[in-house]
Every structure is written in structure tokens, then in C-alpha cells.
Amino acid sequence: EKTHFVGLSIGGMTAQGIMLKHADRLMSVVIANSMGKVAPEFVSAWQDRIDLSREKGMDPLIQPTMERWFT
């Protein structure tokens, strides 16, 4: 079966990966507020968050995320 896919932000990056690996399963794709290439500083920031979540769970990420998104 084929589907439509909408990706917002990091979901847009997911959409790009799906397009590359499973284009035959897509009818259409919408990508919004996303990037096609990730700058090295973003890779480092994401890896830091991944490491922190693995070590201490998601709680330490809540406040910084809220501040980034809503201030």
C-alpha cells in the first residue's frame, strides 16, 4: 500500500529518509520546518541529549527543551 507522509521538524528529516529508502511506498510527502543537512553543532547537541537521556532518563531534558521551544 502507498501512503501520504507529512513530516514536521525532525519528522521532516525522517520523511527524507523514508523517501530515500521506500519511495515506492509513498504517494506524496510534505516536509515543513526541517533541514536537508545537519550542521556539525546540531549533531553534537543531539548526541549530548541522547547520552543524557540514556544516562539519566528524560527528566533532565524537560526544562531545557521547554526553554528552547517557548522562550
C-alpha atoms as a PDB file:
ATOM      1  CA  GLU A   1       0.000   0.000   0.000  1.00  0.00           C
ATOM      2  CA  LYS A   2       1.038   3.593  -0.591  1.00  0.00           C
ATOM      3  CA  THR A   3       0.569   6.481   1.785  1.00  0.00           C
ATOM      4  CA  HIS A   4       0.924  10.236   2.120  1.00  0.00           C
ATOM      5  CA  PHE A   5       3.556  11.328   4.644  1.00  0.00           C
ATOM      6  CA  VAL A   6       3.828  14.672   6.452  1.00  0.00           C
ATOM      7  CA  GLY A   7       6.972  15.460   8.427  1.00  0.00           C
ATOM      8  CA  LEU A   8       7.384  18.498  10.671  1.00  0.00           C
ATOM      9  CA  SER A   9      10.794  19.478  12.060  1.00  0.00           C
ATOM     10  CA  ILE A  10      12.689  16.278  12.868  1.00  0.00           C
ATOM     11  CA  GLY A  11       9.776  14.424  11.266  1.00  0.00           C
ATOM     12  CA  GLY A  12      10.813  16.123   8.029  1.00  0.00           C
ATOM     13  CA  MET A  13      14.220  14.536   8.361  1.00  0.00           C
ATOM     14  CA  THR A  14      12.503  11.203   8.946  1.00  0.00           C
ATOM     15  CA  ALA A  15      10.455  11.822   5.798  1.00  0.00           C
ATOM     16  CA  GLN A  16      13.637  12.343   3.799  1.00  0.00           C
ATOM     17  CA  GLY A  17      14.997   9.021   4.999  1.00  0.00           C
ATOM     18  CA  ILE A  18      11.749   7.261   4.138  1.00  0.00           C
ATOM     19  CA  MET A  19      11.787   8.855   0.693  1.00  0.00           C
ATOM     20  CA  LEU A  20      15.284   7.525   0.057  1.00  0.00           C
ATOM     21  CA  LYS A  21      14.594   4.004   1.283  1.00  0.00           C
ATOM     22  CA  HIS A  22      10.919   3.468   0.461  1.00  0.00           C
ATOM     23  CA  ALA A  23       9.912   5.882  -2.311  1.00  0.00           C
ATOM     24  CA  ASP A  24       7.817   3.147  -3.890  1.00  0.00           C
ATOM     25  CA  ARG A  25       5.515   3.186  -0.844  1.00  0.00           C
ATOM     26  CA  LEU A  26       4.772   6.930  -0.937  1.00  0.00           C
ATOM     27  CA  MET A  27       2.072   8.803  -2.826  1.00  0.00           C
ATOM     28  CA  SER A  28       3.235  12.211  -1.607  1.00  0.00           C
ATOM     29  CA  VAL A  29       5.453  13.831   1.001  1.00  0.00           C
ATOM     30  CA  VAL A  30       5.175  17.186   2.763  1.00  0.00           C
ATOM     31  CA  ILE A  31       8.228  18.433   4.652  1.00  0.00           C
ATOM     32  CA  ALA A  32       7.867  21.530   6.834  1.00  0.00           C
ATOM     33  CA  ASN A  33      10.288  23.377   9.126  1.00  0.00           C
ATOM     34  CA  SER A  34      13.039  20.873   8.513  1.00  0.00           C
ATOM     35  CA  MET A  35      16.607  20.655   7.242  1.00  0.00           C
ATOM     36  CA  GLY A  36      18.178  18.685   4.445  1.00  0.00           C
ATOM     37  CA  LYS A  37      21.605  18.684   6.026  1.00  0.00           C
ATOM     38  CA  VAL A  38      22.515  18.877   9.686  1.00  0.00           C
ATOM     39  CA  ALA A  39      25.314  21.206  10.759  1.00  0.00           C
ATOM     40  CA  PRO A  40      28.009  19.638  12.970  1.00  0.00           C
ATOM     41  CA  GLU A  41      26.942  21.672  16.018  1.00  0.00           C
ATOM     42  CA  PHE A  42      23.449  20.169  15.770  1.00  0.00           C
ATOM     43  CA  VAL A  43      24.874  16.652  15.590  1.00  0.00           C
ATOM     44  CA  SER A  44      26.872  17.326  18.742  1.00  0.00           C
ATOM     45  CA  ALA A  45      23.858  18.810  20.559  1.00  0.00           C
ATOM     46  CA  TRP A  46      21.672  15.832  19.639  1.00  0.00           C
ATOM     47  CA  GLN A  47      24.348  13.374  20.738  1.00  0.00           C
ATOM     48  CA  ASP A  48      24.643  15.170  24.082  1.00  0.00           C
ATOM     49  CA  ARG A  49      20.868  14.852  24.573  1.00  0.00           C
ATOM     50  CA  ILE A  50      20.915  11.187  23.577  1.00  0.00           C
ATOM     51  CA  ASP A  51      23.742  10.470  26.018  1.00  0.00           C
ATOM     52  CA  LEU A  52      21.989  12.343  28.840  1.00  0.00           C
ATOM     53  CA  SER A  53      18.699  10.532  28.247  1.00  0.00           C
ATOM     54  CA  ARG A  54      20.437   7.162  28.288  1.00  0.00           C
ATOM     55  CA  GLU A  55      22.287   8.003  31.485  1.00  0.00           C
ATOM     56  CA  LYS A  56      19.566   9.814  33.462  1.00  0.00           C
ATOM     57  CA  GLY A  57      16.288   9.372  31.600  1.00  0.00           C
ATOM     58  CA  MET A  58      14.160  12.125  30.085  1.00  0.00           C
ATOM     59  CA  ASP A  59      13.575  14.261  33.193  1.00  0.00           C
ATOM     60  CA  PRO A  60      16.774  16.355  32.827  1.00  0.00           C
ATOM     61  CA  LEU A  61      15.758  17.235  29.261  1.00  0.00           C
ATOM     62  CA  ILE A  62      12.317  18.642  30.052  1.00  0.00           C
ATOM     63  CA  GLN A  63      13.240  22.105  31.363  1.00  0.00           C
ATOM     64  CA  PRO A  64      15.896  22.908  28.724  1.00  0.00           C
ATOM     65  CA  THR A  65      13.530  21.780  25.978  1.00  0.00           C
ATOM     66  CA  MET A  66      10.715  23.959  27.300  1.00  0.00           C
ATOM     67  CA  GLU A  67      13.083  26.937  27.444  1.00  0.00           C
ATOM     68  CA  ARG A  68      14.294  26.364  23.863  1.00  0.00           C
ATOM     69  CA  TRP A  69      10.795  25.973  22.485  1.00  0.00           C
ATOM     70  CA  PHE A  70       8.862  28.582  24.458  1.00  0.00           C
ATOM     71  CA  THR A  71      11.180  31.487  25.281  1.00  0.00           C
END
